[in-house]
Amino acid sequence: MNKLSMLILPGSDIDDGVTSNWSSLKSLWEINLDDTEVSVATIAWLGSIDSLRRVSLNRVPLDPVAADALSQLNQVSELQLAEVELGCEKLIPLLDAGNMESLNLSGWDLNEELLELINASPSLKLLKIHDTTVTEEQVKQLMEVNSAIYVDAGELSKQFAPALTKELRRRAIALAQGSSSGWRQTLRERVGTYQRRNKQGWQGDAEIWLQGSTRVQLDRFRTPPASNFEARNVTERP
């Protein structure tokens, strides 16, 4: 168990009493605790794992103390916080650390204070904001300030002007063309459409689905040891 690299446990009956038994897991790269009841002790444990890069806490009801503890996750490069109720000031230490490249704030109130915080975070490459009241102009502003960021606005994206849709497509291609050597932040969400090339040239539109083998450029992260195991639903396999 102490060599597990991934724990994917959304919706499980897990709280701090359970995760307190996992202190030996020091090789995790990714953990998904969506829709669970974890709190401050679990957040503090995650902050102690130097190798951790991807954390998903969608719809986790964090109390104020647990929300404060999020600042300990400054080693993380991808954080999922869809429908998590906390003030945007809790994100400041994470974004100031300069490691955050993918952030899911779906269901959040994208007020001016939060948008200014995002604008001041040049490390971000993917911002997922489904089910929000964001406007096309606000998306344009985010993309003007950060020339690399891809904004995934969900269904709202279908209403964007052709010029903005074209630019989003270009950025999706740039993300998908990253090298796959070493550690790369994996973007597993659909991020747009592109024209697929074949022997006859560029023809037709096709959806990009950035799967686990598709990486974007993050050279500073270590190459995972070949001996590490992966775990899904606490099942260990070589």
Foldseek 3Di string as FASTA:
>chain_A
DLQAAEEEDEPDADELVVCVVVLSNQRYQEYEHEPYAYEQNNLLSLLVRLNHAYYEHEPHAYDPNRLLSVLSNLNYQAYHHEPHDDDLVSCQSNLVSLRHAHYEHAPDACDPVNLVSLLVRQNYQEYEHENYPDDLVSVVVSCVSHVQHAYHHDPVLVVHDPVVLVSQQVSVVLFQPADQPFDFDFDQAWRHKDFDADPVGTDDIDTDGGHPSGGHDDVVRGHRDPPGWHDYNNDTDD
